[in-house]
Amino acid sequence: MMSLDRRQLIGGLALALTAPARGLAADLPAPALDPVLAKVGQLRITVLDTMVAGSSGLDGEWGFAALMEADGRRILYDTGASPGMVLQNLRTLNLDLSDVEDVILSHNHDDHTAGLLTLRREFARANPKALGRCHVATGIFAARERADGRPDRNMADLKVAYEALGGAFIVHDAPAELLPGVWFTGPVPRPHNERNWNPGHYLSGPAGRADDILAEDAALVINSPDGTVVLTGCGHAGVMNICEQAHAILGPQPIAGLIGGLHLFLNSRASVEATGARLKALGVRRILAAHCTGFEPTWILRQALDASPADVAVATVGSQWISGVGVQTGLLARLGTAP
């Protein structure tokens, strides 16, 4: 894993490279932060939790989780909205996470964090290190309160319980390379004012409460054989901002795949069309839209990218992104039709 000093350096460069905001016809983003970048050979991302259930035996909910597999090494990204849903779907998919040591929580909301303790307990039985490192971005443990003024202790209580199970949180304040070619963005700079979060959630402090803008929202950025692949939980930082940060980290190569929640389900058509235009300008080719993206916004993005239904699709539990193949829906890839 990258040293703290180098992460801090890259964080400073990222801020410089991504601000100020540019128009849709702007030139390509600046070169990558590091001239020598590792690349993943084989990549597979499997959706483990989203609202649309997949084949028989799989179930869905308003939550998100995905398993990223890169050259035989694996990271769990988010853990679902209920304690047992991801574990249930893993069993149906015949997936064992006992060799997975790293888990990411994209942000503090419980529809992405609720399965962490269940999964840690389950797989630590076979391997005490299983899901024992949890990567998060700065700000996830900030004091929060609900609209009625009650404290929101989701992350505070989760931290205590996870550490009691032997787990450790690793807090990132800038991009970090977790595996060769696999980057955690840390907090994402926001040159575009996308405001991709719901009202009614607040930070609390001595000066009173302020809107919680989910400053810790973070994504995975992967340097794959097809180009950059981005995995996001809810996209609260804004999908345009996230994709521009991916370019800041890996350079202006095409974004071959965008997988996960983009939080567009409440946005106006004009807003989604503008987002689609920017994503096209950034070189986004395929989208596997999960969780909070929405059916109609996915269709609008497909039109904006001039893509086929096979290349911009609504994710179901069990659907996948596979390098050299692209979007796969259902269980087909896991059952052996893909390399």
Protein backbone atom coordinates (compact mmCIF):
# COMPACT_ATOMS: atom_id res chain seq x y z
CA MET A 1 0.00 0.00 0.00
CA MET A 2 1.24 3.48 -0.80
CA SER A 3 3.00 5.39 1.99
CA LEU A 4 1.26 8.27 3.73
CA ASP A 5 3.76 10.82 2.39
CA ARG A 6 3.13 9.77 -1.20
CA ARG A 7 -0.64 9.68 -0.66
CA GLN A 8 -0.50 13.25 0.66
CA LEU A 9 1.50 14.33 -2.39
CA ILE A 10 -0.99 12.73 -4.76
CA GLY A 11 -3.88 14.29 -2.87
CA GLY A 12 -2.41 17.75 -3.42
CA LEU A 13 -1.86 17.06 -7.09
CA ALA A 14 -5.40 15.75 -7.46
CA LEU A 15 -6.86 18.97 -6.13
CA ALA A 16 -4.75 20.96 -8.58
CA LEU A 17 -5.62 18.77 -11.53
CA THR A 18 -9.38 18.69 -11.04
CA ALA A 19 -10.19 22.34 -10.32
CA PRO A 20 -11.74 24.51 -11.56
CA ALA A 21 -14.69 22.89 -13.30
CA ARG A 22 -14.58 22.73 -17.08
CA GLY A 23 -17.32 22.82 -19.68
CA LEU A 24 -18.55 19.83 -21.65
CA ALA A 25 -16.35 20.61 -24.63
CA ALA A 26 -13.22 21.07 -22.49
CA ASP A 27 -9.88 19.54 -23.31
CA LEU A 28 -8.93 16.19 -21.81
CA PRO A 29 -7.92 16.08 -18.15
CA ALA A 30 -4.30 16.38 -17.14
CA PRO A 31 -1.96 13.35 -17.26
CA ALA A 32 -1.98 10.74 -14.53
CA LEU A 33 -0.55 11.56 -11.12
CA ASP A 34 2.08 8.85 -11.42
CA PRO A 35 3.91 8.20 -14.72
CA VAL A 36 4.45 4.52 -13.87
CA LEU A 37 1.16 2.82 -13.14
CA ALA A 38 0.45 -0.85 -12.54
CA LYS A 39 -2.30 -2.44 -14.61
CA VAL A 40 -4.67 -5.25 -13.70
CA GLY A 41 -4.56 -8.25 -16.02
CA GLN A 42 -8.00 -9.76 -15.36
CA LEU A 43 -10.87 -7.97 -13.66
CA ARG A 44 -14.27 -9.17 -12.53
CA ILE A 45 -16.79 -7.16 -10.48
CA THR A 46 -19.88 -8.98 -9.19
CA VAL A 47 -22.89 -7.11 -7.79
CA LEU A 48 -23.89 -8.74 -4.49
CA ASP A 49 -26.63 -6.37 -3.38
CA THR A 50 -28.90 -3.94 -5.23
CA MET A 51 -32.65 -3.37 -5.55
CA VAL A 52 -33.28 -5.74 -8.44
CA ALA A 53 -33.05 -9.42 -7.56
CA GLY A 54 -31.26 -11.68 -10.01
CA SER A 55 -31.85 -15.36 -10.69
CA SER A 56 -33.66 -17.75 -8.36
CA GLY A 57 -32.25 -17.75 -4.85
CA LEU A 58 -30.92 -14.20 -5.05
CA ASP A 59 -32.65 -11.31 -3.32
CA GLY A 60 -32.49 -7.54 -3.51
CA GLU A 61 -32.96 -4.50 -1.27
CA TRP A 62 -32.28 -0.76 -1.18
CA GLY A 63 -28.56 -1.20 -0.64
CA PHE A 64 -25.32 -1.97 -2.42
CA ALA A 65 -22.36 -4.32 -2.26
CA ALA A 66 -19.96 -5.68 -4.87
CA LEU A 67 -16.98 -8.01 -5.01
CA MET A 68 -13.98 -6.86 -7.02
CA GLU A 69 -11.56 -9.56 -8.21
CA ALA A 70 -8.29 -8.42 -9.79
CA ASP A 71 -5.71 -11.02 -10.83
CA GLY A 72 -6.87 -13.41 -8.13
CA ARG A 73 -6.95 -10.84 -5.31
CA ARG A 74 -10.28 -9.62 -4.02
CA ILE A 75 -11.80 -6.63 -2.23
CA LEU A 76 -15.36 -6.32 -0.92
CA TYR A 77 -16.88 -2.93 -1.72
CA ASP A 78 -19.78 -2.01 0.61
CA THR A 79 -21.81 -4.52 2.61
CA GLY A 80 -25.53 -4.00 1.93
CA ALA A 81 -28.49 -2.58 3.80
CA SER A 82 -29.41 -5.45 6.10
CA PRO A 83 -27.16 -7.66 8.21
CA GLY A 84 -27.73 -10.89 6.30
CA MET A 85 -28.57 -10.01 2.69
CA VAL A 86 -25.06 -10.07 1.23
CA LEU A 87 -24.23 -13.31 3.05
CA GLN A 88 -27.41 -14.92 1.68
CA ASN A 89 -26.53 -13.88 -1.87
CA LEU A 90 -22.93 -15.03 -1.47
CA ARG A 91 -24.17 -18.50 -0.56
CA THR A 92 -26.41 -18.63 -3.61
CA LEU A 93 -23.53 -17.50 -5.81
CA ASN A 94 -21.26 -20.07 -4.14
CA LEU A 95 -18.78 -17.37 -3.15
CA ASP A 96 -16.53 -17.65 -0.09
CA LEU A 97 -14.91 -14.46 1.25
CA SER A 98 -12.68 -16.12 3.84
CA ASP A 99 -9.59 -15.12 1.81
CA VAL A 100 -10.73 -11.51 1.40
CA GLU A 101 -8.93 -9.33 3.92
CA ASP A 102 -9.91 -5.86 2.67
CA VAL A 103 -13.34 -4.26 2.67
CA ILE A 104 -14.33 -0.73 1.66
CA LEU A 105 -17.20 1.37 2.98
CA SER A 106 -17.93 4.04 0.38
CA HIS A 107 -19.67 6.32 2.89
CA ASN A 108 -21.50 6.28 6.22
CA HIS A 109 -25.08 5.40 5.22
CA ASP A 110 -26.43 2.17 6.67
CA ASP A 111 -27.62 0.85 3.29
CA HIS A 112 -23.92 0.33 2.54
CA THR A 113 -22.59 -0.59 5.98
CA ALA A 114 -25.17 -2.86 7.66
CA GLY A 115 -23.65 -6.19 6.64
CA LEU A 116 -20.10 -5.52 7.84
CA LEU A 117 -20.33 -7.19 11.25
CA THR A 118 -22.22 -10.25 9.97
CA LEU A 119 -19.68 -10.81 7.20
CA ARG A 120 -16.69 -10.29 9.50
CA ARG A 121 -18.06 -12.82 12.01
CA GLU A 122 -18.93 -15.37 9.33
CA PHE A 123 -15.67 -15.47 7.42
CA ALA A 124 -13.32 -14.89 10.37
CA ARG A 125 -14.26 -18.39 11.51
CA ALA A 126 -12.10 -19.81 8.74
CA ASN A 127 -9.56 -16.98 8.57
CA PRO A 128 -9.06 -14.51 11.45
CA LYS A 129 -7.86 -11.91 8.90
CA ALA A 130 -10.98 -12.12 6.74
CA LEU A 131 -12.50 -8.66 6.19
CA GLY A 132 -10.22 -7.43 8.96
CA ARG A 133 -9.14 -4.20 7.23
CA CYS A 134 -11.83 -1.67 6.41
CA HIS A 135 -10.82 1.22 4.17
CA VAL A 136 -12.75 4.48 4.50
CA ALA A 137 -12.22 8.12 3.57
CA THR A 138 -11.68 11.04 5.91
CA GLY A 139 -14.93 12.38 7.35
CA ILE A 140 -16.81 9.11 7.70
CA PHE A 141 -16.60 9.25 11.50
CA ALA A 142 -17.72 12.89 11.79
CA ALA A 143 -20.43 13.57 14.39
CA ARG A 144 -23.86 13.49 12.78
CA GLU A 145 -27.49 14.03 13.73
CA ARG A 146 -30.89 13.28 12.26
CA ALA A 147 -33.50 15.82 11.20
CA ASP A 148 -35.20 15.62 14.61
CA GLY A 149 -31.93 16.40 16.39
CA ARG A 150 -31.24 12.87 17.64
CA PRO A 151 -27.61 11.76 17.28
CA ASP A 152 -26.87 9.52 14.31
CA ARG A 153 -24.49 6.96 15.77
CA ASN A 154 -24.36 4.54 12.86
CA MET A 155 -20.63 4.81 12.24
CA ALA A 156 -19.66 5.46 15.87
CA ASP A 157 -21.38 2.27 17.03
CA LEU A 158 -20.16 0.29 14.01
CA LYS A 159 -16.57 1.32 14.72
CA VAL A 160 -16.74 0.08 18.30
CA ALA A 161 -18.36 -3.22 17.31
CA TYR A 162 -16.03 -3.88 14.36
CA GLU A 163 -12.91 -3.19 16.41
CA ALA A 164 -14.25 -5.50 19.13
CA LEU A 165 -14.25 -8.23 16.45
CA GLY A 166 -10.58 -7.54 15.74
CA GLY A 167 -11.15 -5.35 12.70
CA ALA A 168 -9.23 -2.16 11.98
CA PHE A 169 -10.33 0.94 10.07
CA ILE A 170 -7.82 2.55 7.72
CA VAL A 171 -8.73 6.17 7.01
CA HIS A 172 -7.53 7.67 3.73
CA ASP A 173 -7.30 11.40 3.09
CA ALA A 174 -6.11 11.05 -0.52
CA PRO A 175 -5.86 8.46 -3.32
CA ALA A 176 -4.16 5.21 -2.33
CA GLU A 177 -3.21 2.14 -4.36
CA LEU A 178 -4.66 -0.81 -2.43
CA LEU A 179 -3.55 -3.47 -4.93
CA PRO A 180 -1.43 -3.10 -8.08
CA GLY A 181 -3.62 -1.12 -10.45
CA VAL A 182 -6.49 -0.76 -7.94
CA TRP A 183 -6.93 2.68 -6.38
CA PHE A 184 -9.16 3.97 -3.59
CA THR A 185 -9.99 7.60 -4.35
CA GLY A 186 -10.32 8.86 -0.80
CA PRO A 187 -12.42 12.05 -0.63
CA VAL A 188 -13.27 13.19 -4.16
CA PRO A 189 -12.74 16.86 -5.19
CA ARG A 190 -16.02 18.39 -6.38
CA PRO A 191 -15.49 20.97 -9.13
CA HIS A 192 -19.01 20.17 -10.42
CA ASN A 193 -21.79 21.15 -8.02
CA GLU A 194 -23.79 17.96 -8.53
CA ARG A 195 -25.30 17.95 -5.00
CA ASN A 196 -25.93 14.21 -5.17
CA TRP A 197 -27.21 13.64 -1.67
CA ASN A 198 -30.55 13.66 0.11
CA PRO A 199 -31.54 16.50 2.45
CA GLY A 200 -32.38 15.84 6.09
CA HIS A 201 -28.99 14.51 7.20
CA TYR A 202 -26.69 16.76 9.20
CA LEU A 203 -23.22 17.13 10.63
CA SER A 204 -23.19 18.33 14.21
CA GLY A 205 -20.57 20.36 16.05
CA PRO A 206 -19.89 23.31 18.36
CA ALA A 207 -21.06 25.78 15.69
CA GLY A 208 -24.37 23.96 15.27
CA ARG A 209 -25.50 21.63 12.55
CA ALA A 210 -24.75 21.79 8.84
CA ASP A 211 -25.93 19.80 5.84
CA ASP A 212 -24.11 16.49 5.53
CA ILE A 213 -22.70 16.56 2.01
CA LEU A 214 -21.06 13.13 2.42
CA ALA A 215 -17.55 14.53 2.10
CA GLU A 216 -16.17 11.03 2.67
CA ASP A 217 -17.89 9.49 -0.38
CA ALA A 218 -15.23 7.47 -2.20
CA ALA A 219 -14.89 5.09 -5.13
CA LEU A 220 -12.55 2.44 -6.52
CA VAL A 221 -10.64 3.23 -9.72
CA ILE A 222 -9.05 0.30 -11.57
CA ASN A 223 -6.48 0.36 -14.35
CA SER A 224 -7.79 -2.54 -16.46
CA PRO A 225 -6.82 -3.92 -19.90
CA ASP A 226 -9.95 -2.24 -21.32
CA GLY A 227 -9.22 1.16 -19.80
CA THR A 228 -10.26 2.71 -16.51
CA VAL A 229 -13.04 1.00 -14.57
CA VAL A 230 -14.86 2.90 -11.79
CA LEU A 231 -16.81 1.25 -8.96
CA THR A 232 -19.01 3.53 -6.88
CA GLY A 233 -21.52 2.94 -4.07
CA CYS A 234 -23.96 5.87 -4.30
CA GLY A 235 -21.99 8.49 -6.17
CA HIS A 236 -22.73 11.14 -3.55
CA ALA A 237 -19.58 13.01 -4.62
CA GLY A 238 -21.16 13.27 -8.08
CA VAL A 239 -20.45 10.85 -10.89
CA MET A 240 -18.88 13.55 -13.07
CA ASN A 241 -16.53 14.47 -10.23
CA ILE A 242 -15.71 10.82 -9.59
CA CYS A 243 -14.89 10.15 -13.24
CA GLU A 244 -12.74 13.27 -13.43
CA GLN A 245 -10.88 12.08 -10.33
CA ALA A 246 -10.37 8.73 -12.07
CA HIS A 247 -8.70 10.62 -14.92
CA ALA A 248 -6.59 12.56 -12.43
CA ILE A 249 -5.33 9.28 -10.97
CA LEU A 250 -4.89 7.15 -14.09
CA GLY A 251 -4.75 9.68 -16.91
CA PRO A 252 -7.21 10.48 -19.72
CA GLN A 253 -7.70 6.96 -21.04
CA PRO A 254 -11.27 5.86 -21.82
CA ILE A 255 -13.47 4.86 -18.89
CA ALA A 256 -14.36 1.40 -20.07
CA GLY A 257 -16.80 0.67 -17.26
CA LEU A 258 -18.79 2.56 -14.66
CA ILE A 259 -20.39 0.23 -12.12
CA GLY A 260 -22.58 0.92 -9.09
CA GLY A 261 -24.96 3.52 -7.69
CA LEU A 262 -24.93 6.97 -9.31
CA HIS A 263 -27.71 8.59 -7.22
CA LEU A 264 -29.64 9.97 -10.18
CA PHE A 265 -33.06 8.52 -9.40
CA LEU A 266 -34.50 11.86 -8.23
CA ASN A 267 -32.70 14.09 -10.74
CA SER A 268 -34.49 15.93 -13.53
CA ARG A 269 -34.20 14.74 -17.10
CA ALA A 270 -32.16 17.82 -17.99
CA SER A 271 -29.74 17.10 -15.15
CA VAL A 272 -29.28 13.47 -16.18
CA GLU A 273 -28.82 14.47 -19.83
CA ALA A 274 -26.11 16.95 -18.80
CA THR A 275 -24.45 14.24 -16.73
CA GLY A 276 -24.59 11.85 -19.67
CA ALA A 277 -23.03 14.42 -21.98
CA ARG A 278 -20.16 14.96 -19.58
CA LEU A 279 -19.64 11.22 -19.12
CA LYS A 280 -19.48 10.80 -22.89
CA ALA A 281 -16.89 13.59 -23.09
CA LEU A 282 -14.87 11.78 -20.42
CA GLY A 283 -14.83 8.62 -22.50
CA VAL A 284 -17.31 6.49 -20.55
CA ARG A 285 -18.24 3.49 -22.71
CA ARG A 286 -20.30 1.10 -20.59
CA ILE A 287 -22.40 1.43 -17.43
CA LEU A 288 -23.78 -1.21 -15.08
CA ALA A 289 -26.17 1.03 -13.14
CA ALA A 290 -27.11 -0.22 -9.68
CA HIS A 291 -28.83 0.85 -6.47
CA CYS A 292 -29.83 4.52 -6.53
CA THR A 293 -29.30 5.20 -10.25
CA GLY A 294 -32.86 4.48 -11.34
CA PHE A 295 -34.41 2.88 -14.42
CA GLU A 296 -35.28 6.04 -16.36
CA PRO A 297 -31.92 7.76 -15.65
CA THR A 298 -30.16 4.61 -16.89
CA TRP A 299 -32.16 4.83 -20.14
CA ILE A 300 -31.29 8.54 -20.50
CA LEU A 301 -27.58 7.79 -19.96
CA ARG A 302 -27.79 5.07 -22.61
CA GLN A 303 -29.13 7.61 -25.11
CA ALA A 304 -26.47 10.17 -24.15
CA LEU A 305 -23.69 7.64 -24.69
CA ASP A 306 -25.22 6.32 -27.95
CA ALA A 307 -24.88 2.89 -26.35
CA SER A 308 -26.73 -0.37 -26.73
CA PRO A 309 -28.86 -2.01 -24.01
CA ALA A 310 -26.06 -4.55 -23.62
CA ASP A 311 -23.56 -1.81 -22.79
CA VAL A 312 -25.65 0.39 -20.49
CA ALA A 313 -27.83 -1.80 -18.31
CA VAL A 314 -29.60 -1.88 -14.96
CA ALA A 315 -27.68 -4.09 -12.55
CA THR A 316 -29.29 -7.07 -10.90
CA VAL A 317 -27.88 -9.11 -8.03
CA GLY A 318 -25.33 -11.41 -9.66
CA SER A 319 -24.66 -9.18 -12.68
CA GLN A 320 -21.04 -8.50 -13.50
CA TRP A 321 -18.41 -6.44 -15.24
CA ILE A 322 -15.67 -8.64 -16.76
CA SER A 323 -12.54 -7.39 -18.51
CA GLY A 324 -12.55 -8.25 -22.19
CA VAL A 325 -16.29 -8.94 -22.03
CA GLY A 326 -17.99 -5.92 -20.48
CA VAL A 327 -21.42 -6.01 -18.88
CA GLN A 328 -22.87 -9.43 -18.02
CA THR A 329 -26.30 -9.73 -16.42
CA GLY A 330 -27.54 -12.53 -14.19
CA LEU A 331 -25.46 -15.57 -13.29
CA LEU A 332 -24.12 -16.35 -16.76
CA ALA A 333 -20.55 -15.26 -16.13
CA ARG A 334 -20.26 -16.91 -12.73
CA LEU A 335 -21.59 -20.18 -14.12
CA GLY A 336 -18.78 -20.43 -16.62
CA THR A 337 -19.63 -18.60 -19.84
CA ALA A 338 -16.92 -16.00 -19.29
CA PRO A 339 -13.14 -16.40 -18.96
